[in-house]
Amino acid sequence: MKNALSAVLKKQGYHKIFLRNNGAGHFKLNLKINGAAGNFIIDTGASHSVIDEVSAGKFSLKFSDKASKDAGGLGNSALKTRKSTGNMIDLKGFQIKKAVLIAIDLSHVNDTLKKGGSGRIDGVIGSDILKKHKALIDYSEKALYLK
């Protein structure tokens, strides 16, 4: 059954990306943004893909001159954000060009993950990317399919 699903999705143009559990109930994956490697989690409930503000330099993010905005969610009150456009994301060979990423302080998220026995993350892949690339998650196979 598992191989049958993978074969059908491959014929439909999907790219399979293996995931790992982070110990806190999230799927994690390593990916590259603008050529730099980072640790990310998948969050289907996050409306945007975000980068921890402290990792912005590592990924060579370029920001617009527009004023930052406040964002809700992420378990905290309003947080300042900065928008970066034109980024290249490489998810194990699946490339996303001109990706929009939001830089935000994820220290509270990383503190919570650390308390749960999980490692630090550089960011979150959210539903903006997942929807755009018709994401399917196979929980039993621990695989993300994108096209």
Protein backbone atom coordinates (compact mmCIF):
# COMPACT_ATOMS: atom_id res chain seq x y z
CA MET A 1 0.00 0.00 0.00
CA LYS A 2 2.72 2.49 0.99
CA ASN A 3 4.67 2.02 -2.22
CA ALA A 4 1.45 2.16 -4.26
CA LEU A 5 0.61 5.63 -2.94
CA SER A 6 4.11 6.87 -3.60
CA ALA A 7 4.04 5.48 -7.15
CA VAL A 8 0.67 7.09 -7.93
CA LEU A 9 1.78 10.47 -6.58
CA LYS A 10 5.08 10.30 -8.45
CA LYS A 11 3.17 9.74 -11.71
CA GLN A 12 1.14 12.85 -10.89
CA GLY A 13 4.31 14.93 -10.59
CA TYR A 14 4.76 14.93 -6.82
CA HIS A 15 8.18 15.04 -5.17
CA LYS A 16 8.59 12.93 -2.01
CA ILE A 17 10.38 14.46 0.98
CA PHE A 18 11.05 12.29 4.01
CA LEU A 19 10.27 13.78 7.41
CA ARG A 20 11.37 13.01 10.97
CA ASN A 21 9.60 13.46 14.30
CA ASN A 22 11.09 16.16 16.51
CA GLY A 23 10.03 14.60 19.81
CA ALA A 24 7.43 17.32 20.45
CA GLY A 25 4.79 16.07 18.01
CA HIS A 26 5.92 17.94 14.91
CA PHE A 27 7.45 16.73 11.69
CA LYS A 28 10.83 18.28 11.04
CA LEU A 29 13.04 18.50 8.00
CA ASN A 30 16.28 20.04 6.90
CA LEU A 31 16.14 22.36 3.94
CA LYS A 32 18.14 25.13 2.33
CA ILE A 33 17.16 28.74 1.91
CA ASN A 34 19.32 30.80 -0.42
CA GLY A 35 21.94 28.03 -0.17
CA ALA A 36 22.15 27.88 3.65
CA ALA A 37 20.96 24.79 5.55
CA GLY A 38 18.45 25.02 8.38
CA ASN A 39 16.14 23.05 10.66
CA PHE A 40 12.41 23.53 10.16
CA ILE A 41 9.11 22.08 11.30
CA ILE A 42 5.95 21.60 9.26
CA ASP A 43 2.93 23.42 10.70
CA THR A 44 -0.29 23.03 8.70
CA GLY A 45 -1.98 25.52 11.05
CA ALA A 46 0.51 28.32 10.40
CA SER A 47 -0.80 30.70 7.76
CA HIS A 48 2.70 31.79 6.70
CA SER A 49 6.14 30.26 6.49
CA VAL A 50 8.38 32.02 8.97
CA ILE A 51 12.06 32.33 9.82
CA ASP A 52 13.38 33.03 13.28
CA GLU A 53 14.62 36.64 13.33
CA VAL A 54 18.01 35.49 14.66
CA SER A 55 18.43 33.22 11.61
CA ALA A 56 17.63 35.91 9.01
CA GLY A 57 21.31 36.70 8.38
CA LYS A 58 22.23 33.03 8.06
CA PHE A 59 19.78 32.72 5.15
CA SER A 60 20.76 36.05 3.52
CA LEU A 61 17.18 37.32 3.66
CA LYS A 62 16.57 40.69 2.07
CA PHE A 63 13.78 42.80 3.49
CA SER A 64 11.57 45.47 2.00
CA ASP A 65 11.75 49.00 3.37
CA LYS A 66 8.09 48.86 4.36
CA ALA A 67 7.34 49.13 8.04
CA SER A 68 7.05 45.90 9.97
CA LYS A 69 3.64 44.59 10.96
CA ASP A 70 2.33 42.93 14.06
CA ALA A 71 1.40 39.26 13.85
CA GLY A 72 -0.75 37.19 16.15
CA GLY A 73 -0.66 33.49 16.80
CA LEU A 74 2.42 31.45 17.59
CA GLY A 75 1.27 31.29 21.20
CA ASN A 76 2.13 34.89 21.99
CA SER A 77 0.68 38.37 21.79
CA ALA A 78 1.42 40.61 18.79
CA LEU A 79 4.93 40.20 17.39
CA LYS A 80 6.83 42.42 14.96
CA THR A 81 7.43 40.88 11.54
CA ARG A 82 9.53 41.64 8.47
CA LYS A 83 8.73 40.35 4.97
CA SER A 84 11.39 38.92 2.65
CA THR A 85 10.68 38.11 -0.99
CA GLY A 86 12.57 36.42 -3.81
CA ASN A 87 14.02 33.58 -1.73
CA MET A 88 15.06 30.17 -3.05
CA ILE A 89 13.98 27.18 -0.94
CA ASP A 90 15.40 23.74 -1.63
CA LEU A 91 13.48 20.94 0.09
CA LYS A 92 15.59 17.87 -0.70
CA GLY A 93 15.65 18.66 -4.43
CA PHE A 94 12.21 20.28 -4.67
CA GLN A 95 12.92 23.93 -5.41
CA ILE A 96 10.64 26.84 -4.67
CA LYS A 97 11.71 30.06 -6.37
CA LYS A 98 10.69 33.56 -5.33
CA ALA A 99 9.43 32.35 -1.95
CA VAL A 100 8.02 34.86 0.51
CA LEU A 101 9.19 34.40 4.09
CA ILE A 102 8.30 36.30 7.23
CA ALA A 103 10.98 36.94 9.85
CA ILE A 104 9.66 36.87 13.40
CA ASP A 105 11.06 36.26 16.86
CA LEU A 106 10.65 32.52 17.49
CA SER A 107 12.48 32.48 20.83
CA HIS A 108 9.29 31.52 22.70
CA VAL A 109 8.72 28.63 20.24
CA ASN A 110 12.30 27.42 20.63
CA ASP A 111 12.07 27.68 24.43
CA THR A 112 8.96 25.48 24.37
CA LEU A 113 10.56 22.97 22.00
CA LYS A 114 13.65 22.80 24.20
CA LYS A 115 11.53 22.09 27.28
CA GLY A 116 9.86 19.28 25.32
CA GLY A 117 13.22 17.70 24.48
CA SER A 118 13.38 18.90 20.89
CA GLY A 119 16.13 20.84 19.17
CA ARG A 120 16.07 24.46 18.07
CA ILE A 121 14.40 25.35 14.77
CA ASP A 122 15.25 28.08 12.28
CA GLY A 123 11.68 28.34 11.07
CA VAL A 124 8.32 26.92 10.13
CA ILE A 125 6.97 25.79 6.77
CA GLY A 126 3.35 26.92 6.85
CA SER A 127 0.19 26.53 4.84
CA ASP A 128 1.14 29.24 2.32
CA ILE A 129 3.79 26.96 0.80
CA LEU A 130 1.89 23.75 1.54
CA LYS A 131 -1.26 24.95 -0.28
CA LYS A 132 0.59 26.46 -3.22
CA HIS A 133 2.43 23.20 -3.87
CA LYS A 134 -0.57 20.93 -3.24
CA ALA A 135 1.00 19.29 -0.21
CA LEU A 136 0.03 15.82 0.92
CA ILE A 137 1.35 14.37 4.16
CA ASP A 138 1.58 10.60 4.56
CA TYR A 139 1.79 10.19 8.34
CA SER A 140 2.48 6.44 8.30
CA GLU A 141 5.31 6.86 5.80
CA LYS A 142 6.53 10.14 7.40
CA ALA A 143 6.62 11.78 3.99
CA LEU A 144 5.63 15.14 2.55
CA TYR A 145 4.63 15.26 -1.12
CA LEU A 146 4.82 18.53 -3.06
CA LYS A 147 4.29 19.53 -6.69
